């Protein structure tokens, strides 16, 4: 797995964290227990720490970056969809960031939220917990019900199981 040190800062992986062979972790990246980073994703923490919580997954092609003094934090049981971009933002626990969504500096996505595919969450934007957030610029359109929130934790659990499978069974064919 491609792990890179820069300026004396190197990635730290929690117990049973899994990183795909084509994902890149650069600098001060902290992965929680059973977190996963999938194919083609890049987490570049050359400016400030980027942390990914326990059981969270960063899917294919996603990009996480931070600015000086503006860390990027992903809580526990979070799903970050394919080709999403997180830049210097905070994603709290049990959230889902949809495919190709962008969340910019100092924005906060609270616990239990879904950010829809392709959404653009602008700098400094904040929402209420358990919101469905869509559009460009993004806005909350309603509150998620209990059944919808349960799907968020199930998504994270699915990726924990999938990462264990890939860790045990993935074989490169040359």
Protein backbone atom coordinates (compact mmCIF):
# COMPACT_ATOMS: atom_id res chain seq x y z
CA UNK A 1 0.00 0.00 0.00
CA UNK A 2 1.38 3.43 -0.90
CA UNK A 3 2.14 5.30 2.33
CA UNK A 4 4.32 8.39 2.09
CA UNK A 5 6.22 10.44 4.65
CA UNK A 6 6.73 14.17 4.14
CA UNK A 7 8.43 16.66 6.46
CA UNK A 8 8.74 13.93 9.09
CA UNK A 9 5.00 13.23 9.07
CA UNK A 10 3.75 9.78 8.16
CA UNK A 11 0.40 7.95 8.07
CA UNK A 12 -0.80 6.02 11.12
CA UNK A 13 -3.17 3.10 10.61
CA UNK A 14 -5.52 1.79 13.28
CA UNK A 15 -6.08 -1.88 14.02
CA UNK A 16 -7.56 -3.70 11.00
CA UNK A 17 -7.55 -0.56 8.83
CA UNK A 18 -7.33 -1.44 5.13
CA UNK A 19 -5.83 0.62 2.30
CA UNK A 20 -6.21 -0.45 -1.34
CA UNK A 21 -2.98 -0.95 -3.26
CA UNK A 22 -3.69 2.04 -5.55
CA UNK A 23 -4.76 4.49 -2.83
CA UNK A 24 -2.27 7.10 -1.59
CA UNK A 25 -1.85 8.24 2.02
CA UNK A 26 0.57 11.13 2.34
CA UNK A 27 1.80 12.83 5.50
CA UNK A 28 -0.11 13.16 8.76
CA UNK A 29 -3.03 10.84 7.98
CA UNK A 30 -4.62 9.05 10.93
CA UNK A 31 -6.92 6.12 10.09
CA UNK A 32 -9.13 4.70 12.84
CA UNK A 33 -9.78 1.06 13.61
CA UNK A 34 -11.43 -0.83 10.72
CA UNK A 35 -11.35 2.27 8.50
CA UNK A 36 -10.84 1.67 4.78
CA UNK A 37 -9.46 3.66 1.86
CA UNK A 38 -10.39 2.30 -1.55
CA UNK A 39 -8.80 2.18 -4.99
CA UNK A 40 -7.58 5.45 -6.44
CA UNK A 41 -8.41 7.52 -3.37
CA UNK A 42 -5.89 10.09 -2.16
CA UNK A 43 -5.53 11.51 1.34
CA UNK A 44 -2.86 14.24 1.28
CA UNK A 45 -2.08 15.58 4.74
CA UNK A 46 1.00 17.65 3.93
CA UNK A 47 -0.39 20.81 5.57
CA UNK A 48 -2.43 19.68 8.56
CA UNK A 49 -3.65 16.40 10.01
CA UNK A 50 -6.40 14.47 8.27
CA UNK A 51 -8.18 11.96 10.48
CA UNK A 52 -10.62 9.26 9.43
CA UNK A 53 -12.62 7.70 12.26
CA UNK A 54 -13.26 4.12 13.22
CA UNK A 55 -15.18 2.05 10.65
CA UNK A 56 -15.33 4.91 8.12
CA UNK A 57 -14.70 4.32 4.43
CA UNK A 58 -13.18 6.54 1.76
CA UNK A 59 -14.35 5.14 -1.56
CA UNK A 60 -12.74 4.98 -4.99
CA UNK A 61 -11.37 8.21 -6.39
CA UNK A 62 -12.16 10.34 -3.33
CA UNK A 63 -9.77 13.17 -2.43
CA UNK A 64 -9.14 14.49 1.09
CA UNK A 65 -6.88 17.49 1.67
CA UNK A 66 -6.40 20.26 4.22
CA UNK A 67 -4.96 23.76 4.44
CA UNK A 68 -2.57 25.09 7.07
CA UNK A 69 -4.62 25.52 10.24
CA UNK A 70 -7.67 23.91 8.65
CA UNK A 71 -7.60 20.15 9.32
CA UNK A 72 -9.91 17.66 7.67
CA UNK A 73 -11.75 15.42 10.10
CA UNK A 74 -14.00 12.47 9.26
CA UNK A 75 -15.84 10.93 12.22
CA UNK A 76 -16.75 7.32 12.93
CA UNK A 77 -19.05 5.21 10.74
CA UNK A 78 -18.90 7.66 7.83
CA UNK A 79 -19.21 6.73 4.15
CA UNK A 80 -17.42 9.02 1.69
CA UNK A 81 -18.68 8.16 -1.79
CA UNK A 82 -16.81 7.66 -5.04
CA UNK A 83 -14.97 10.76 -6.30
CA UNK A 84 -16.09 12.96 -3.41
CA UNK A 85 -13.79 15.81 -2.36
CA UNK A 86 -13.34 16.85 1.27
CA UNK A 87 -11.16 19.89 1.83
CA UNK A 88 -10.44 21.22 5.32
CA UNK A 89 -13.88 20.30 6.63
CA UNK A 90 -15.45 18.32 9.46
CA UNK A 91 -17.71 15.34 8.84
CA UNK A 92 -19.24 14.12 12.09
CA UNK A 93 -20.22 10.52 12.92
CA UNK A 94 -22.65 8.37 10.93
CA UNK A 95 -22.83 10.64 7.89
CA UNK A 96 -22.80 9.82 4.18
CA UNK A 97 -21.12 12.01 1.58
CA UNK A 98 -22.53 11.21 -1.85
CA UNK A 99 -20.62 10.50 -5.03
CA UNK A 100 -18.84 13.55 -6.49
CA UNK A 101 -19.96 15.77 -3.61
CA UNK A 102 -17.57 18.55 -2.54
CA UNK A 103 -17.27 19.87 1.02
CA UNK A 104 -15.01 22.90 1.42
CA UNK A 105 -12.94 24.52 4.19
CA UNK A 106 -14.51 24.98 7.63
CA UNK A 107 -17.82 23.45 6.58
CA UNK A 108 -19.36 21.09 9.14
CA UNK A 109 -21.57 18.13 8.26
CA UNK A 110 -23.18 17.03 11.55
CA UNK A 111 -24.00 13.56 12.79
CA UNK A 112 -26.58 11.62 10.82
CA UNK A 113 -26.56 13.72 7.63
CA UNK A 114 -26.59 12.71 3.98
CA UNK A 115 -24.90 15.01 1.48
CA UNK A 116 -26.39 14.14 -1.90
CA UNK A 117 -24.38 13.18 -4.97
CA UNK A 118 -22.82 16.17 -6.69
CA UNK A 119 -23.61 18.61 -3.89
CA UNK A 120 -21.34 21.61 -3.27
CA UNK A 121 -21.05 22.54 0.40
CA UNK A 122 -19.44 25.97 0.42
CA UNK A 123 -16.85 27.27 2.90
CA UNK A 124 -17.98 27.62 6.50
CA UNK A 125 -21.46 26.17 5.89
CA UNK A 126 -23.16 24.39 8.82
CA UNK A 127 -26.33 22.35 9.03
CA UNK A 128 -28.57 20.72 11.62
CA UNK A 129 -27.97 17.05 12.51
CA UNK A 130 -29.90 14.40 10.56
CA UNK A 131 -30.37 16.59 7.48
CA UNK A 132 -30.63 15.67 3.82
CA UNK A 133 -28.31 18.16 2.10
CA UNK A 134 -28.42 18.61 -1.68
CA UNK A 135 -27.63 21.04 -4.47
CA UNK A 136 -24.97 23.51 -5.53
CA UNK A 137 -24.73 25.49 -3.38
CA UNK A 138 -25.96 22.88 -0.93
CA UNK A 139 -28.94 23.37 1.35
CA UNK A 140 -30.81 21.15 3.78
CA UNK A 141 -34.17 20.13 2.36
CA UNK A 142 -35.54 17.92 5.14
CA UNK A 143 -34.80 15.89 8.24
CA UNK A 144 -33.97 12.20 7.86
CA UNK A 145 -36.21 9.71 9.65
CA UNK A 146 -34.98 6.87 11.87
CA UNK A 147 -35.03 4.29 9.05
CA UNK A 148 -32.94 6.52 6.80
CA UNK A 149 -30.42 7.17 9.58
CA UNK A 150 -30.10 3.41 10.17
CA UNK A 151 -28.94 3.04 6.57
CA UNK A 152 -25.96 5.28 7.32
CA UNK A 153 -24.54 2.96 9.97
CA UNK A 154 -25.35 -0.09 7.81
CA UNK A 155 -23.37 1.44 4.93
CA UNK A 156 -20.30 1.83 7.13
CA UNK A 157 -20.69 -1.73 8.47
CA UNK A 158 -20.96 -3.07 4.91
CA UNK A 159 -17.63 -1.47 4.01
CA UNK A 160 -15.95 -2.86 7.15
CA UNK A 161 -16.99 -6.35 6.02
CA UNK A 162 -15.98 -5.64 2.42
CA UNK A 163 -12.53 -4.41 3.53
CA UNK A 164 -12.01 -7.59 5.56
CA UNK A 165 -12.90 -9.64 2.47
CA UNK A 166 -10.51 -7.67 0.26
CA UNK A 167 -7.75 -7.92 2.86
CA UNK A 168 -8.10 -11.71 2.90
CA UNK A 169 -8.92 -12.49 -0.74
CA UNK A 170 -7.62 -9.77 -3.09
CA UNK A 171 -4.86 -11.10 -5.33
CA UNK A 172 -3.10 -9.17 -8.07
CA UNK A 173 -2.90 -10.98 -11.42
CA UNK A 174 0.11 -9.98 -13.51
